[in-house]
Amino acid sequence: MGQDEYIHHHSFYITKELRQALHGHKSLILWFTCLSGSCKSTIVNMVDGRLHEKGISTYIGW
């Protein structure tokens, strides 16, 4: 049994292009990985603040 049979494409009504038009900028994913206790949360909060100051919409998913 291959892994491909568990992967299904979904068509969403709200596309990436619609989200980008709404927010006025392209979308991007920043993925922070590191050891526990290595200040990831501190760095993420600083980056989030800087992006917010520039008018860029953000979402932090823990």
N, C-alpha and C. Protein backbone atom coordinates (compact mmCIF):
# COMPACT_ATOMS: atom_id res chain seq x y z
N MET A 1 0.85 -1.17 0.00
CA MET A 1 0.00 0.00 0.00
C MET A 1 0.90 1.24 0.00
N GLY A 2 0.82 2.05 -1.04
CA GLY A 2 1.64 3.26 -1.12
C GLY A 2 1.03 4.42 -0.37
N GLN A 3 1.86 5.34 0.01
CA GLN A 3 1.39 6.53 0.73
C GLN A 3 0.50 7.40 -0.15
N ASP A 4 0.70 7.37 -1.46
CA ASP A 4 -0.06 8.22 -2.37
C ASP A 4 -1.56 8.00 -2.28
N GLU A 5 -1.99 6.81 -1.92
CA GLU A 5 -3.43 6.58 -1.87
C GLU A 5 -4.09 7.27 -0.67
N TYR A 6 -3.28 7.78 0.26
CA TYR A 6 -3.81 8.49 1.42
C TYR A 6 -3.75 10.01 1.23
N ILE A 7 -3.19 10.45 0.11
CA ILE A 7 -3.09 11.87 -0.18
C ILE A 7 -4.16 12.24 -1.20
N HIS A 8 -5.01 13.18 -0.82
CA HIS A 8 -6.12 13.59 -1.68
C HIS A 8 -6.06 15.09 -1.90
N HIS A 9 -6.19 15.52 -3.15
CA HIS A 9 -6.23 16.94 -3.48
C HIS A 9 -7.61 17.49 -3.14
N HIS A 10 -7.64 18.64 -2.51
CA HIS A 10 -8.91 19.30 -2.19
C HIS A 10 -8.95 20.64 -2.90
N SER A 11 -10.07 20.96 -3.48
CA SER A 11 -10.28 22.27 -4.09
C SER A 11 -11.00 23.14 -3.08
N PHE A 12 -10.37 24.24 -2.69
CA PHE A 12 -10.96 25.14 -1.70
C PHE A 12 -11.55 26.35 -2.40
N TYR A 13 -12.64 26.86 -1.85
CA TYR A 13 -13.31 28.03 -2.42
C TYR A 13 -12.42 29.27 -2.29
N ILE A 14 -11.83 29.45 -1.12
CA ILE A 14 -10.94 30.58 -0.90
C ILE A 14 -9.54 30.16 -1.33
N THR A 15 -9.09 30.71 -2.44
CA THR A 15 -7.79 30.34 -2.98
C THR A 15 -6.69 31.20 -2.38
N LYS A 16 -5.47 30.78 -2.61
CA LYS A 16 -4.31 31.55 -2.18
C LYS A 16 -4.35 32.95 -2.79
N GLU A 17 -4.73 33.03 -4.05
CA GLU A 17 -4.80 34.32 -4.74
C GLU A 17 -5.84 35.25 -4.12
N LEU A 18 -6.99 34.71 -3.71
CA LEU A 18 -8.01 35.52 -3.06
C LEU A 18 -7.51 36.05 -1.71
N ARG A 19 -6.81 35.20 -0.96
CA ARG A 19 -6.25 35.64 0.33
C ARG A 19 -5.21 36.73 0.12
N GLN A 20 -4.36 36.55 -0.89
CA GLN A 20 -3.32 37.53 -1.16
C GLN A 20 -3.94 38.87 -1.57
N ALA A 21 -4.99 38.83 -2.36
CA ALA A 21 -5.67 40.06 -2.76
C ALA A 21 -6.31 40.76 -1.55
N LEU A 22 -6.89 39.98 -0.66
CA LEU A 22 -7.52 40.53 0.53
C LEU A 22 -6.51 41.23 1.43
N HIS A 23 -5.35 40.60 1.61
CA HIS A 23 -4.34 41.13 2.54
C HIS A 23 -3.34 42.06 1.88
N GLY A 24 -3.31 42.08 0.56
CA GLY A 24 -2.45 43.01 -0.15
C GLY A 24 -0.99 42.60 -0.22
N HIS A 25 -0.70 41.35 0.07
CA HIS A 25 0.67 40.85 -0.04
C HIS A 25 0.66 39.35 -0.27
N LYS A 26 1.76 38.84 -0.78
CA LYS A 26 1.87 37.41 -1.04
C LYS A 26 1.97 36.64 0.27
N SER A 27 1.59 35.38 0.22
CA SER A 27 1.65 34.53 1.40
C SER A 27 3.01 33.85 1.48
N LEU A 28 3.37 33.47 2.70
CA LEU A 28 4.66 32.85 2.97
C LEU A 28 4.55 32.06 4.26
N ILE A 29 5.26 30.97 4.33
CA ILE A 29 5.31 30.19 5.56
C ILE A 29 6.72 30.28 6.13
N LEU A 30 6.82 30.65 7.39
CA LEU A 30 8.08 30.59 8.12
C LEU A 30 7.95 29.47 9.13
N TRP A 31 8.83 28.51 9.07
CA TRP A 31 8.74 27.35 9.95
C TRP A 31 9.99 27.33 10.82
N PHE A 32 9.81 27.56 12.11
CA PHE A 32 10.93 27.61 13.04
C PHE A 32 11.06 26.26 13.74
N THR A 33 12.19 25.63 13.59
CA THR A 33 12.45 24.37 14.29
C THR A 33 13.79 24.48 15.01
N CYS A 34 13.82 23.95 16.20
CA CYS A 34 15.05 23.95 16.99
C CYS A 34 14.78 23.19 18.28
N LEU A 35 15.76 23.10 19.11
CA LEU A 35 15.62 22.40 20.37
C LEU A 35 14.69 23.14 21.32
N SER A 36 14.07 22.38 22.20
CA SER A 36 13.21 22.96 23.21
C SER A 36 14.02 23.93 24.07
N GLY A 37 13.42 25.08 24.38
CA GLY A 37 14.08 26.06 25.22
C GLY A 37 15.13 26.89 24.51
N SER A 38 15.09 26.91 23.17
CA SER A 38 16.13 27.63 22.41
C SER A 38 15.65 28.99 21.92
N CYS A 39 14.64 29.56 22.55
CA CYS A 39 14.14 30.91 22.27
C CYS A 39 13.32 31.02 20.99
N LYS A 40 12.78 29.91 20.49
CA LYS A 40 11.94 30.00 19.29
C LYS A 40 10.76 30.94 19.51
N SER A 41 10.07 30.82 20.62
CA SER A 41 8.90 31.66 20.89
C SER A 41 9.28 33.13 20.93
N THR A 42 10.41 33.44 21.52
CA THR A 42 10.88 34.83 21.60
C THR A 42 11.14 35.37 20.20
N ILE A 43 11.82 34.58 19.37
CA ILE A 43 12.13 35.00 18.00
C ILE A 43 10.85 35.15 17.19
N VAL A 44 9.94 34.18 17.31
CA VAL A 44 8.67 34.24 16.58
C VAL A 44 7.89 35.49 16.96
N ASN A 45 7.83 35.81 18.24
CA ASN A 45 7.11 37.00 18.67
C ASN A 45 7.76 38.28 18.15
N MET A 46 9.07 38.31 18.08
CA MET A 46 9.77 39.48 17.54
C MET A 46 9.49 39.64 16.05
N VAL A 47 9.56 38.54 15.30
CA VAL A 47 9.28 38.57 13.86
C VAL A 47 7.83 38.99 13.63
N ASP A 48 6.92 38.43 14.40
CA ASP A 48 5.50 38.76 14.28
C ASP A 48 5.28 40.26 14.51
N GLY A 49 5.93 40.82 15.51
CA GLY A 49 5.81 42.25 15.80
C GLY A 49 6.33 43.10 14.67
N ARG A 50 7.48 42.74 14.11
CA ARG A 50 8.06 43.50 13.00
C ARG A 50 7.15 43.46 11.77
N LEU A 51 6.62 42.28 11.46
CA LEU A 51 5.72 42.15 10.31
C LEU A 51 4.45 42.96 10.53
N HIS A 52 3.93 42.93 11.74
CA HIS A 52 2.72 43.70 12.07
C HIS A 52 2.97 45.20 11.89
N GLU A 53 4.14 45.67 12.32
CA GLU A 53 4.50 47.08 12.15
C GLU A 53 4.51 47.48 10.68
N LYS A 54 4.84 46.55 9.80
CA LYS A 54 4.89 46.81 8.37
C LYS A 54 3.54 46.60 7.68
N GLY A 55 2.50 46.28 8.48
CA GLY A 55 1.16 46.09 7.92
C GLY A 55 0.96 44.73 7.27
N ILE A 56 1.78 43.77 7.65
CA ILE A 56 1.68 42.43 7.07
C ILE A 56 0.89 41.54 8.02
N SER A 57 -0.16 40.92 7.50
CA SER A 57 -0.99 40.01 8.31
C SER A 57 -0.20 38.76 8.65
N THR A 58 -0.33 38.32 9.87
CA THR A 58 0.37 37.12 10.32
C THR A 58 -0.57 36.19 11.07
N TYR A 59 -0.16 34.96 11.18
CA TYR A 59 -0.87 33.97 12.00
C TYR A 59 0.19 33.06 12.59
N ILE A 60 0.16 32.88 13.88
CA ILE A 60 1.10 31.98 14.55
C ILE A 60 0.32 30.73 14.93
N GLY A 61 0.71 29.61 14.39
CA GLY A 61 0.07 28.33 14.72
C GLY A 61 1.01 27.50 15.57
N TRP A 62 0.62 27.22 16.78
CA TRP A 62 1.49 26.42 17.65
C TRP A 62 1.14 25.02 17.45
